[in-house]
Amino acid sequence: MTCSDCRSWQLQHDRLSSDGLSNNYSLNTVDICPVGALTSTDFRFKMRVWFLKETKTIDVNCGTGSNIVVASRENKIYRITPRENNDVNGVWLPDSHRLNLSTSATNIA
């Protein structure tokens, strides 16, 4: 089949393997998805993005000092996403750092 034979309604997206993504950087796929179809279960349906206040900061739980954006509303942290800094973490953030809000206090004093 050539590309000229393809029609968008005929295309299907599938995973390469049935194992899924099982590494410490798999949640970065949520950030690079251009249409927002990939979401993380820890944030899905919890809060609308446009209601969140974003604060640029440094991950203090990380030995390398990854640059992050903390999204909060009414003194509660809802998600942590990477902030680009090519000298430290590029545009990537390990899942263990991203999900750190579930193990730490999610309320801001």
PDB file of N, CA and C in Angstrom:
ATOM      1  N   MET A   1       0.838  -1.167   0.000  1.00  0.00           N
ATOM      2  CA  MET A   1       0.000   0.000   0.000  1.00  0.00           C
ATOM      3  C   MET A   1       0.888   1.236   0.000  1.00  0.00           C
ATOM      4  N   THR A   2       0.568   2.169  -0.812  1.00  0.00           N
ATOM      5  CA  THR A   2       1.300   3.432  -0.828  1.00  0.00           C
ATOM      6  C   THR A   2       0.535   4.461  -0.014  1.00  0.00           C
ATOM      7  N   CYS A   3       1.203   5.536   0.271  1.00  0.00           N
ATOM      8  CA  CYS A   3       0.581   6.575   1.088  1.00  0.00           C
ATOM      9  C   CYS A   3      -0.614   7.203   0.380  1.00  0.00           C
ATOM     10  N   SER A   4      -0.608   7.222  -0.930  1.00  0.00           N
ATOM     11  CA  SER A   4      -1.737   7.797  -1.665  1.00  0.00           C
ATOM     12  C   SER A   4      -2.975   6.911  -1.562  1.00  0.00           C
ATOM     13  N   ASP A   5      -2.782   5.633  -1.184  1.00  0.00           N
ATOM     14  CA  ASP A   5      -3.912   4.723  -1.004  1.00  0.00           C
ATOM     15  C   ASP A   5      -4.573   4.886   0.365  1.00  0.00           C
ATOM     16  N   CYS A   6      -3.896   5.561   1.276  1.00  0.00           N
ATOM     17  CA  CYS A   6      -4.396   5.703   2.653  1.00  0.00           C
ATOM     18  C   CYS A   6      -5.448   6.799   2.742  1.00  0.00           C
ATOM     19  N   ARG A   7      -6.443   6.563   3.511  1.00  0.00           N
ATOM     20  CA  ARG A   7      -7.445   7.558   3.848  1.00  0.00           C
ATOM     21  C   ARG A   7      -7.521   7.606   5.364  1.00  0.00           C
ATOM     22  N   SER A   8      -7.762   8.758   5.917  1.00  0.00           N
ATOM     23  CA  SER A   8      -7.723   8.900   7.373  1.00  0.00           C
ATOM     24  C   SER A   8      -8.745   7.991   8.052  1.00  0.00           C
ATOM     25  N   TRP A   9      -9.864   7.749   7.458  1.00  0.00           N
ATOM     26  CA  TRP A   9     -10.869   6.907   8.089  1.00  0.00           C
ATOM     27  C   TRP A   9     -10.491   5.432   8.031  1.00  0.00           C
ATOM     28  N   GLN A  10      -9.462   5.094   7.258  1.00  0.00           N
ATOM     29  CA  GLN A  10      -9.023   3.710   7.161  1.00  0.00           C
ATOM     30  C   GLN A  10      -7.830   3.418   8.070  1.00  0.00           C
ATOM     31  N   LEU A  11      -7.188   4.443   8.587  1.00  0.00           N
ATOM     32  CA  LEU A  11      -5.992   4.252   9.391  1.00  0.00           C
ATOM     33  C   LEU A  11      -6.332   3.845  10.813  1.00  0.00           C
ATOM     34  N   GLN A  12      -5.497   2.968  11.369  1.00  0.00           N
ATOM     35  CA  GLN A  12      -5.652   2.549  12.751  1.00  0.00           C
ATOM     36  C   GLN A  12      -4.323   2.704  13.464  1.00  0.00           C
ATOM     37  N   HIS A  13      -4.373   3.170  14.699  1.00  0.00           N
ATOM     38  CA  HIS A  13      -3.176   3.282  15.512  1.00  0.00           C
ATOM     39  C   HIS A  13      -3.156   2.114  16.485  1.00  0.00           C
ATOM     40  N   ASP A  14      -2.000   1.551  16.664  1.00  0.00           N
ATOM     41  CA  ASP A  14      -1.878   0.409  17.547  1.00  0.00           C
ATOM     42  C   ASP A  14      -0.528   0.456  18.235  1.00  0.00           C
ATOM     43  N   ARG A  15      -0.383  -0.281  19.317  1.00  0.00           N
ATOM     44  CA  ARG A  15       0.893  -0.368  20.014  1.00  0.00           C
ATOM     45  C   ARG A  15       1.797  -1.350  19.290  1.00  0.00           C
ATOM     46  N   LEU A  16       3.083  -1.149  19.449  1.00  0.00           N
ATOM     47  CA  LEU A  16       4.058  -2.043  18.842  1.00  0.00           C
ATOM     48  C   LEU A  16       4.039  -3.404  19.513  1.00  0.00           C
ATOM     49  N   SER A  17       3.840  -3.427  20.813  1.00  0.00           N
ATOM     50  CA  SER A  17       3.768  -4.689  21.534  1.00  0.00           C
ATOM     51  C   SER A  17       2.639  -4.626  22.543  1.00  0.00           C
ATOM     52  N   SER A  18       2.247  -5.759  23.047  1.00  0.00           N
ATOM     53  CA  SER A  18       1.159  -5.800  24.025  1.00  0.00           C
ATOM     54  C   SER A  18       1.656  -5.532  25.440  1.00  0.00           C
ATOM     55  N   ASP A  19       2.969  -5.393  25.606  1.00  0.00           N
ATOM     56  CA  ASP A  19       3.538  -5.144  26.927  1.00  0.00           C
ATOM     57  C   ASP A  19       3.223  -3.748  27.439  1.00  0.00           C
ATOM     58  N   GLY A  20       2.909  -2.840  26.549  1.00  0.00           N
ATOM     59  CA  GLY A  20       2.658  -1.469  26.943  1.00  0.00           C
ATOM     60  C   GLY A  20       3.958  -0.752  27.251  1.00  0.00           C
ATOM     61  N   LEU A  21       3.837   0.420  27.793  1.00  0.00           N
ATOM     62  CA  LEU A  21       5.012   1.198  28.168  1.00  0.00           C
ATOM     63  C   LEU A  21       5.337   0.918  29.627  1.00  0.00           C
ATOM     64  N   SER A  22       6.498   0.402  29.868  1.00  0.00           N
ATOM     65  CA  SER A  22       6.846   0.050  31.242  1.00  0.00           C
ATOM     66  C   SER A  22       8.249   0.540  31.581  1.00  0.00           C
ATOM     67  N   ASN A  23       8.446   1.833  31.447  1.00  0.00           N
ATOM     68  CA  ASN A  23       9.721   2.404  31.866  1.00  0.00           C
ATOM     69  C   ASN A  23       9.452   3.691  32.635  1.00  0.00           C
ATOM     70  N   ASN A  24      10.481   4.244  33.201  1.00  0.00           N
ATOM     71  CA  ASN A  24      10.339   5.404  34.077  1.00  0.00           C
ATOM     72  C   ASN A  24      10.076   6.714  33.320  1.00  0.00           C
ATOM     73  N   TYR A  25       9.983   6.665  32.000  1.00  0.00           N
ATOM     74  CA  TYR A  25       9.712   7.869  31.212  1.00  0.00           C
ATOM     75  C   TYR A  25       8.448   7.730  30.364  1.00  0.00           C
ATOM     76  N   SER A  26       7.616   6.745  30.626  1.00  0.00           N
ATOM     77  CA  SER A  26       6.453   6.484  29.780  1.00  0.00           C
ATOM     78  C   SER A  26       5.400   7.592  29.819  1.00  0.00           C
ATOM     79  N   LEU A  27       5.283   8.320  30.926  1.00  0.00           N
ATOM     80  CA  LEU A  27       4.284   9.390  31.001  1.00  0.00           C
ATOM     81  C   LEU A  27       4.649  10.607  30.161  1.00  0.00           C
ATOM     82  N   ASN A  28       5.863  10.648  29.637  1.00  0.00           N
ATOM     83  CA  ASN A  28       6.228  11.750  28.748  1.00  0.00           C
ATOM     84  C   ASN A  28       5.439  11.690  27.446  1.00  0.00           C
ATOM     85  N   THR A  29       4.862  10.528  27.119  1.00  0.00           N
ATOM     86  CA  THR A  29       4.024  10.431  25.929  1.00  0.00           C
ATOM     87  C   THR A  29       2.797  11.325  26.052  1.00  0.00           C
ATOM     88  N   VAL A  30       2.335  11.555  27.270  1.00  0.00           N
ATOM     89  CA  VAL A  30       1.201  12.452  27.502  1.00  0.00           C
ATOM     90  C   VAL A  30       1.563  13.871  27.074  1.00  0.00           C
ATOM     91  N   ASP A  31       2.793  14.287  27.361  1.00  0.00           N
ATOM     92  CA  ASP A  31       3.228  15.646  27.027  1.00  0.00           C
ATOM     93  C   ASP A  31       3.426  15.853  25.536  1.00  0.00           C
ATOM     94  N   ILE A  32       3.847  14.832  24.831  1.00  0.00           N
ATOM     95  CA  ILE A  32       4.157  15.011  23.411  1.00  0.00           C
ATOM     96  C   ILE A  32       2.993  14.660  22.488  1.00  0.00           C
ATOM     97  N   CYS A  33       1.886  14.170  23.046  1.00  0.00           N
ATOM     98  CA  CYS A  33       0.712  13.859  22.220  1.00  0.00           C
ATOM     99  C   CYS A  33       0.131  15.167  21.680  1.00  0.00           C
ATOM    100  N   PRO A  34       0.086  15.329  20.366  1.00  0.00           N
ATOM    101  CA  PRO A  34      -0.321  16.622  19.790  1.00  0.00           C
ATOM    102  C   PRO A  34      -1.805  16.947  19.932  1.00  0.00           C
ATOM    103  N   VAL A  35      -2.656  15.956  20.159  1.00  0.00           N
ATOM    104  CA  VAL A  35      -4.090  16.229  20.218  1.00  0.00           C
ATOM    105  C   VAL A  35      -4.696  16.024  21.597  1.00  0.00           C
ATOM    106  N   GLY A  36      -3.897  15.585  22.560  1.00  0.00           N
ATOM    107  CA  GLY A  36      -4.405  15.376  23.908  1.00  0.00           C
ATOM    108  C   GLY A  36      -5.178  14.085  24.090  1.00  0.00           C
ATOM    109  N   ALA A  37      -5.022  13.151  23.170  1.00  0.00           N
ATOM    110  CA  ALA A  37      -5.735  11.881  23.272  1.00  0.00           C
ATOM    111  C   ALA A  37      -5.133  10.967  24.339  1.00  0.00           C
ATOM    112  N   LEU A  38      -3.844  11.134  24.604  1.00  0.00           N
ATOM    113  CA  LEU A  38      -3.188  10.347  25.655  1.00  0.00           C
ATOM    114  C   LEU A  38      -3.233  11.147  26.946  1.00  0.00           C
ATOM    115  N   THR A  39      -3.758  10.545  27.984  1.00  0.00           N
ATOM    116  CA  THR A  39      -3.856  11.220  29.274  1.00  0.00           C
ATOM    117  C   THR A  39      -3.303  10.319  30.360  1.00  0.00           C
ATOM    118  N   SER A  40      -2.930  10.902  31.468  1.00  0.00           N
ATOM    119  CA  SER A  40      -2.432  10.101  32.588  1.00  0.00           C
ATOM    120  C   SER A  40      -3.570   9.853  33.571  1.00  0.00           C
ATOM    121  N   THR A  41      -3.633   8.655  34.085  1.00  0.00           N
ATOM    122  CA  THR A  41      -4.743   8.283  34.967  1.00  0.00           C
ATOM    123  C   THR A  41      -4.720   9.044  36.288  1.00  0.00           C
ATOM    124  N   ASP A  42      -3.558   9.514  36.713  1.00  0.00           N
ATOM    125  CA  ASP A  42      -3.496  10.242  37.981  1.00  0.00           C
ATOM    126  C   ASP A  42      -4.119  11.639  37.888  1.00  0.00           C
ATOM    127  N   PHE A  43      -4.270  12.178  36.675  1.00  0.00           N
ATOM    128  CA  PHE A  43      -4.819  13.526  36.505  1.00  0.00           C
ATOM    129  C   PHE A  43      -6.165  13.534  35.779  1.00  0.00           C
ATOM    130  N   ARG A  44      -6.466  12.488  35.060  1.00  0.00           N
ATOM    131  CA  ARG A  44      -7.663  12.440  34.219  1.00  0.00           C
ATOM    132  C   ARG A  44      -8.940  12.694  35.026  1.00  0.00           C
ATOM    133  N   PHE A  45      -9.759  13.627  34.569  1.00  0.00           N
ATOM    134  CA  PHE A  45     -11.069  13.979  35.134  1.00  0.00           C
ATOM    135  C   PHE A  45     -11.012  14.568  36.544  1.00  0.00           C
ATOM    136  N   LYS A  46      -9.837  15.018  36.973  1.00  0.00           N
ATOM    137  CA  LYS A  46      -9.734  15.591  38.316  1.00  0.00           C
ATOM    138  C   LYS A  46      -9.914  17.112  38.309  1.00  0.00           C
ATOM    139  N   MET A  47      -9.420  17.774  37.263  1.00  0.00           N
ATOM    140  CA  MET A  47      -9.491  19.236  37.215  1.00  0.00           C
ATOM    141  C   MET A  47      -9.294  19.687  35.767  1.00  0.00           C
ATOM    142  N   ARG A  48      -9.977  20.717  35.381  1.00  0.00           N
ATOM    143  CA  ARG A  48      -9.779  21.304  34.052  1.00  0.00           C
ATOM    144  C   ARG A  48      -8.461  22.067  34.039  1.00  0.00           C
ATOM    145  N   VAL A  49      -7.694  21.896  32.976  1.00  0.00           N
ATOM    146  CA  VAL A  49      -6.378  22.515  32.876  1.00  0.00           C
ATOM    147  C   VAL A  49      -6.458  24.031  32.964  1.00  0.00           C
ATOM    148  N   TRP A  50      -7.468  24.617  32.374  1.00  0.00           N
ATOM    149  CA  TRP A  50      -7.555  26.086  32.340  1.00  0.00           C
ATOM    150  C   TRP A  50      -7.901  26.686  33.700  1.00  0.00           C
ATOM    151  N   PHE A  51      -8.270  25.876  34.686  1.00  0.00           N
ATOM    152  CA  PHE A  51      -8.514  26.383  36.035  1.00  0.00           C
ATOM    153  C   PHE A  51      -7.255  26.367  36.897  1.00  0.00           C
ATOM    154  N   LEU A  52      -6.194  25.746  36.414  1.00  0.00           N
ATOM    155  CA  LEU A  52      -4.989  25.569  37.218  1.00  0.00           C
ATOM    156  C   LEU A  52      -4.046  26.765  37.128  1.00  0.00           C
ATOM    157  N   LYS A  53      -3.399  27.064  38.226  1.00  0.00           N
ATOM    158  CA  LYS A  53      -2.350  28.074  38.260  1.00  0.00           C
ATOM    159  C   LYS A  53      -1.022  27.337  38.122  1.00  0.00           C
ATOM    160  N   GLU A  54      -0.213  27.734  37.147  1.00  0.00           N
ATOM    161  CA  GLU A  54       1.066  27.074  36.916  1.00  0.00           C
ATOM    162  C   GLU A  54       2.196  27.873  37.552  1.00  0.00           C
ATOM    163  N   THR A  55       3.032  27.155  38.319  1.00  0.00           N
ATOM    164  CA  THR A  55       4.168  27.769  38.987  1.00  0.00           C
ATOM    165  C   THR A  55       5.438  27.072  38.527  1.00  0.00           C
ATOM    166  N   LYS A  56       6.353  27.833  37.938  1.00  0.00           N
ATOM    167  CA  LYS A  56       7.635  27.275  37.500  1.00  0.00           C
ATOM    168  C   LYS A  56       8.548  27.138  38.706  1.00  0.00           C
ATOM    169  N   THR A  57       9.160  25.953  38.854  1.00  0.00           N
ATOM    170  CA  THR A  57      10.000  25.709  40.014  1.00  0.00           C
ATOM    171  C   THR A  57      11.017  24.609  39.720  1.00  0.00           C
ATOM    172  N   ILE A  58      11.735  24.206  40.740  1.00  0.00           N
ATOM    173  CA  ILE A  58      12.737  23.145  40.653  1.00  0.00           C
ATOM    174  C   ILE A  58      12.266  21.980  41.514  1.00  0.00           C
ATOM    175  N   ASP A  59      12.452  20.754  41.036  1.00  0.00           N
ATOM    176  CA  ASP A  59      12.083  19.566  41.799  1.00  0.00           C
ATOM    177  C   ASP A  59      13.107  19.353  42.910  1.00  0.00           C
ATOM    178  N   VAL A  60      12.714  19.606  44.141  1.00  0.00           N
ATOM    179  CA  VAL A  60      13.644  19.472  45.271  1.00  0.00           C
ATOM    180  C   VAL A  60      13.865  18.028  45.675  1.00  0.00           C
ATOM    181  N   ASN A  61      13.044  17.108  45.186  1.00  0.00           N
ATOM    182  CA  ASN A  61      13.207  15.688  45.479  1.00  0.00           C
ATOM    183  C   ASN A  61      14.122  15.003  44.485  1.00  0.00           C
ATOM    184  N   CYS A  62      14.673  15.768  43.561  1.00  0.00           N
ATOM    185  CA  CYS A  62      15.516  15.228  42.492  1.00  0.00           C
ATOM    186  C   CYS A  62      16.949  15.700  42.716  1.00  0.00           C
ATOM    187  N   GLY A  63      17.882  14.777  42.643  1.00  0.00           N
ATOM    188  CA  GLY A  63      19.284  15.124  42.830  1.00  0.00           C
ATOM    189  C   GLY A  63      19.840  16.010  41.732  1.00  0.00           C
ATOM    190  N   THR A  64      19.233  15.966  40.548  1.00  0.00           N
ATOM    191  CA  THR A  64      19.713  16.785  39.437  1.00  0.00           C
ATOM    192  C   THR A  64      19.009  18.134  39.371  1.00  0.00           C
ATOM    193  N   GLY A  65      17.945  18.312  40.135  1.00  0.00           N
ATOM    194  CA  GLY A  65      17.224  19.587  40.118  1.00  0.00           C
ATOM    195  C   GLY A  65      16.425  19.792  38.859  1.00  0.00           C
ATOM    196  N   SER A  66      15.633  18.800  38.477  1.00  0.00           N
ATOM    197  CA  SER A  66      14.807  18.909  37.272  1.00  0.00           C
ATOM    198  C   SER A  66      13.903  20.128  37.349  1.00  0.00           C
ATOM    199  N   ASN A  67      13.746  20.806  36.224  1.00  0.00           N
ATOM    200  CA  ASN A  67      12.866  21.959  36.130  1.00  0.00           C
ATOM    201  C   ASN A  67      11.447  21.462  35.898  1.00  0.00           C
ATOM    202  N   ILE A  68      10.511  21.947  36.703  1.00  0.00           N
ATOM    203  CA  ILE A  68       9.135  21.463  36.620  1.00  0.00           C
ATOM    204  C   ILE A  68       8.155  22.625  36.659  1.00  0.00           C
ATOM    205  N   VAL A  69       6.915  22.307  36.314  1.00  0.00           N
ATOM    206  CA  VAL A  69       5.791  23.227  36.458  1.00  0.00           C
ATOM    207  C   VAL A  69       4.793  22.544  37.388  1.00  0.00           C
ATOM    208  N   VAL A  70       4.474  23.200  38.482  1.00  0.00           N
ATOM    209  CA  VAL A  70       3.503  22.673  39.430  1.00  0.00           C
ATOM    210  C   VAL A  70       2.167  23.345  39.141  1.00  0.00           C
ATOM    211  N   ALA A  71       1.145  22.528  38.860  1.00  0.00           N
ATOM    212  CA  ALA A  71      -0.188  23.049  38.558  1.00  0.00           C
ATOM    213  C   ALA A  71      -1.076  22.866  39.781  1.00  0.00           C
ATOM    214  N   SER A  72      -1.628  23.973  40.263  1.00  0.00           N
ATOM    215  CA  SER A  72      -2.418  23.912  41.490  1.00  0.00           C
ATOM    216  C   SER A  72      -3.668  24.782  41.372  1.00  0.00           C
ATOM    217  N   ARG A  73      -4.574  24.522  42.301  1.00  0.00           N
ATOM    218  CA  ARG A  73      -5.770  25.351  42.420  1.00  0.00           C
ATOM    219  C   ARG A  73      -6.245  25.283  43.864  1.00  0.00           C
ATOM    220  N   GLU A  74      -6.552  26.438  44.421  1.00  0.00           N
ATOM    221  CA  GLU A  74      -7.046  26.542  45.795  1.00  0.00           C
ATOM    222  C   GLU A  74      -6.147  25.774  46.766  1.00  0.00           C
ATOM    223  N   ASN A  75      -4.841  26.011  46.650  1.00  0.00           N
ATOM    224  CA  ASN A  75      -3.824  25.435  47.531  1.00  0.00           C
ATOM    225  C   ASN A  75      -3.703  23.917  47.461  1.00  0.00           C
ATOM    226  N   LYS A  76      -4.119  23.319  46.361  1.00  0.00           N
ATOM    227  CA  LYS A  76      -3.954  21.881  46.177  1.00  0.00           C
ATOM    228  C   LYS A  76      -3.213  21.623  44.868  1.00  0.00           C
ATOM    229  N   ILE A  77      -2.176  20.789  44.921  1.00  0.00           N
ATOM    230  CA  ILE A  77      -1.400  20.443  43.730  1.00  0.00           C
ATOM    231  C   ILE A  77      -2.119  19.325  42.983  1.00  0.00           C
ATOM    232  N   TYR A  78      -2.353  19.540  41.679  1.00  0.00           N
ATOM    233  CA  TYR A  78      -3.037  18.544  40.871  1.00  0.00           C
ATOM    234  C   TYR A  78      -2.105  17.781  39.939  1.00  0.00           C
ATOM    235  N   ARG A  79      -1.049  18.442  39.474  1.00  0.00           N
ATOM    236  CA  ARG A  79      -0.110  17.721  38.618  1.00  0.00           C
ATOM    237  C   ARG A  79       1.227  18.443  38.536  1.00  0.00           C
ATOM    238  N   ILE A  80       2.231  17.660  38.156  1.00  0.00           N
ATOM    239  CA  ILE A  80       3.584  18.163  37.954  1.00  0.00           C
ATOM    240  C   ILE A  80       3.995  17.777  36.548  1.00  0.00           C
ATOM    241  N   THR A  81       4.466  18.749  35.779  1.00  0.00           N
ATOM    242  CA  THR A  81       4.914  18.485  34.407  1.00  0.00           C
ATOM    243  C   THR A  81       6.328  19.031  34.224  1.00  0.00           C
ATOM    244  N   PRO A  82       7.054  18.525  33.224  1.00  0.00           N
ATOM    245  CA  PRO A  82       8.419  19.005  33.005  1.00  0.00           C
ATOM    246  C   PRO A  82       8.433  20.414  32.428  1.00  0.00           C
ATOM    247  N   ARG A  83       9.483  21.139  32.771  1.00  0.00           N
ATOM    248  CA  ARG A  83       9.730  22.459  32.195  1.00  0.00           C
ATOM    249  C   ARG A  83      11.062  22.381  31.464  1.00  0.00           C
ATOM    250  N   GLU A  84      11.103  22.864  30.253  1.00  0.00           N
ATOM    251  CA  GLU A  84      12.293  22.711  29.425  1.00  0.00           C
ATOM    252  C   GLU A  84      13.496  23.464  29.984  1.00  0.00           C
ATOM    253  N   ASN A  85      14.581  22.718  30.128  1.00  0.00           N
ATOM    254  CA  ASN A  85      15.880  23.281  30.491  1.00  0.00           C
ATOM    255  C   ASN A  85      16.921  22.330  29.922  1.00  0.00           C
ATOM    256  N   ASN A  86      17.490  22.674  28.788  1.00  0.00           N
ATOM    257  CA  ASN A  86      18.407  21.770  28.089  1.00  0.00           C
ATOM    258  C   ASN A  86      19.665  21.451  28.881  1.00  0.00           C
ATOM    259  N   ASP A  87      20.030  22.276  29.843  1.00  0.00           N
ATOM    260  CA  ASP A  87      21.219  22.014  30.652  1.00  0.00           C
ATOM    261  C   ASP A  87      20.969  20.987  31.752  1.00  0.00           C
ATOM    262  N   VAL A  88      19.718  20.774  32.135  1.00  0.00           N
ATOM    263  CA  VAL A  88      19.421  19.873  33.254  1.00  0.00           C
ATOM    264  C   VAL A  88      18.624  18.653  32.809  1.00  0.00           C
ATOM    265  N   ASN A  89      17.381  18.847  32.406  1.00  0.00           N
ATOM    266  CA  ASN A  89      16.504  17.724  32.095  1.00  0.00           C
ATOM    267  C   ASN A  89      15.906  17.771  30.689  1.00  0.00           C
ATOM    268  N   GLY A  90      16.306  18.724  29.869  1.00  0.00           N
ATOM    269  CA  GLY A  90      15.725  18.819  28.534  1.00  0.00           C
ATOM    270  C   GLY A  90      14.237  19.098  28.651  1.00  0.00           C
ATOM    271  N   VAL A  91      13.425  18.283  27.984  1.00  0.00           N
ATOM    272  CA  VAL A  91      11.969  18.410  28.083  1.00  0.00           C
ATOM    273  C   VAL A  91      11.362  17.191  28.765  1.00  0.00           C
ATOM    274  N   TRP A  92      12.200  16.350  29.358  1.00  0.00           N
ATOM    275  CA  TRP A  92      11.748  15.081  29.921  1.00  0.00           C
ATOM    276  C   TRP A  92      11.718  15.124  31.439  1.00  0.00           C
ATOM    277  N   LEU A  93      10.848  14.321  32.013  1.00  0.00           N
ATOM    278  CA  LEU A  93      10.749  14.194  33.458  1.00  0.00           C
ATOM    279  C   LEU A  93      10.413  12.741  33.778  1.00  0.00           C
ATOM    280  N   PRO A  94      11.185  12.114  34.652  1.00  0.00           N
ATOM    281  CA  PRO A  94      10.880  10.726  35.009  1.00  0.00           C
ATOM    282  C   PRO A  94       9.507  10.615  35.683  1.00  0.00           C
ATOM    283  N   ASP A  95       8.840   9.502  35.469  1.00  0.00           N
ATOM    284  CA  ASP A  95       7.527   9.279  36.071  1.00  0.00           C
ATOM    285  C   ASP A  95       7.588   9.354  37.588  1.00  0.00           C
ATOM    286  N   SER A  96       8.674   8.884  38.165  1.00  0.00           N
ATOM    287  CA  SER A  96       8.797   8.901  39.625  1.00  0.00           C
ATOM    288  C   SER A  96       8.770  10.330  40.166  1.00  0.00           C
ATOM    289  N   HIS A  97       9.261  11.288  39.418  1.00  0.00           N
ATOM    290  CA  HIS A  97       9.220  12.688  39.841  1.00  0.00           C
ATOM    291  C   HIS A  97       7.852  13.295  39.564  1.00  0.00           C
ATOM    292  N   ARG A  98       7.279  12.925  38.454  1.00  0.00           N
ATOM    293  CA  ARG A  98       5.970  13.445  38.058  1.00  0.00           C
ATOM    294  C   ARG A  98       4.882  12.983  39.031  1.00  0.00           C
ATOM    295  N   LEU A  99       4.979  11.764  39.484  1.00  0.00           N
ATOM    296  CA  LEU A  99       3.968  11.200  40.376  1.00  0.00           C
ATOM    297  C   LEU A  99       4.286  11.437  41.843  1.00  0.00           C
ATOM    298  N   ASN A 100       5.319  12.179  42.121  1.00  0.00           N
ATOM    299  CA  ASN A 100       5.744  12.431  43.489  1.00  0.00           C
ATOM    300  C   ASN A 100       4.684  13.152  44.306  1.00  0.00           C
ATOM    301  N   LEU A 101       3.769  13.847  43.668  1.00  0.00           N
ATOM    302  CA  LEU A 101       2.742  14.571  44.404  1.00  0.00           C
ATOM    303  C   LEU A 101       1.791  13.626  45.109  1.00  0.00           C
ATOM    304  N   SER A 102       1.670  12.389  44.640  1.00  0.00           N
ATOM    305  CA  SER A 102       0.766  11.445  45.296  1.00  0.00           C
ATOM    306  C   SER A 102       1.354  10.911  46.596  1.00  0.00           C
ATOM    307  N   THR A 103       2.668  10.966  46.751  1.00  0.00           N
ATOM    308  CA  THR A 103       3.297  10.475  47.976  1.00  0.00           C
ATOM    309  C   THR A 103       3.658  11.597  48.933  1.00  0.00           C
ATOM    310  N   SER A 104       3.685  12.822  48.448  1.00  0.00           N
ATOM    311  CA  SER A 104       3.992  13.957  49.318  1.00  0.00           C
ATOM    312  C   SER A 104       2.713  14.735  49.611  1.00  0.00           C
ATOM    313  N   ALA A 105       2.833  15.715  50.422  1.00  0.00           N
ATOM    314  CA  ALA A 105       1.661  16.535  50.759  1.00  0.00           C
ATOM    315  C   ALA A 105       1.201  17.278  49.520  1.00  0.00           C
ATOM    316  N   THR A 106      -0.064  17.143  49.161  1.00  0.00           N
ATOM    317  CA  THR A 106      -0.569  17.829  47.973  1.00  0.00           C
ATOM    318  C   THR A 106      -1.219  19.163  48.323  1.00  0.00           C
ATOM    319  N   ASN A 107      -1.265  19.491  49.584  1.00  0.00           N
ATOM    320  CA  ASN A 107      -1.814  20.787  49.981  1.00  0.00           C
ATOM    321  C   ASN A 107      -0.686  21.785  50.165  1.00  0.00           C
ATOM    322  N   ILE A 108      -0.876  22.956  49.652  1.00  0.00           N
ATOM    323  CA  ILE A 108       0.099  24.031  49.764  1.00  0.00           C
ATOM    324  C   ILE A 108      -0.292  24.896  50.949  1.00  0.00           C
ATOM    325  N   ALA A 109       0.665  25.154  51.806  1.00  0.00           N
ATOM    326  CA  ALA A 109       0.358  25.971  52.996  1.00  0.00           C
ATOM    327  C   ALA A 109       0.188  27.416  52.637  1.00  0.00           C
TER     328      ALA A 109
END
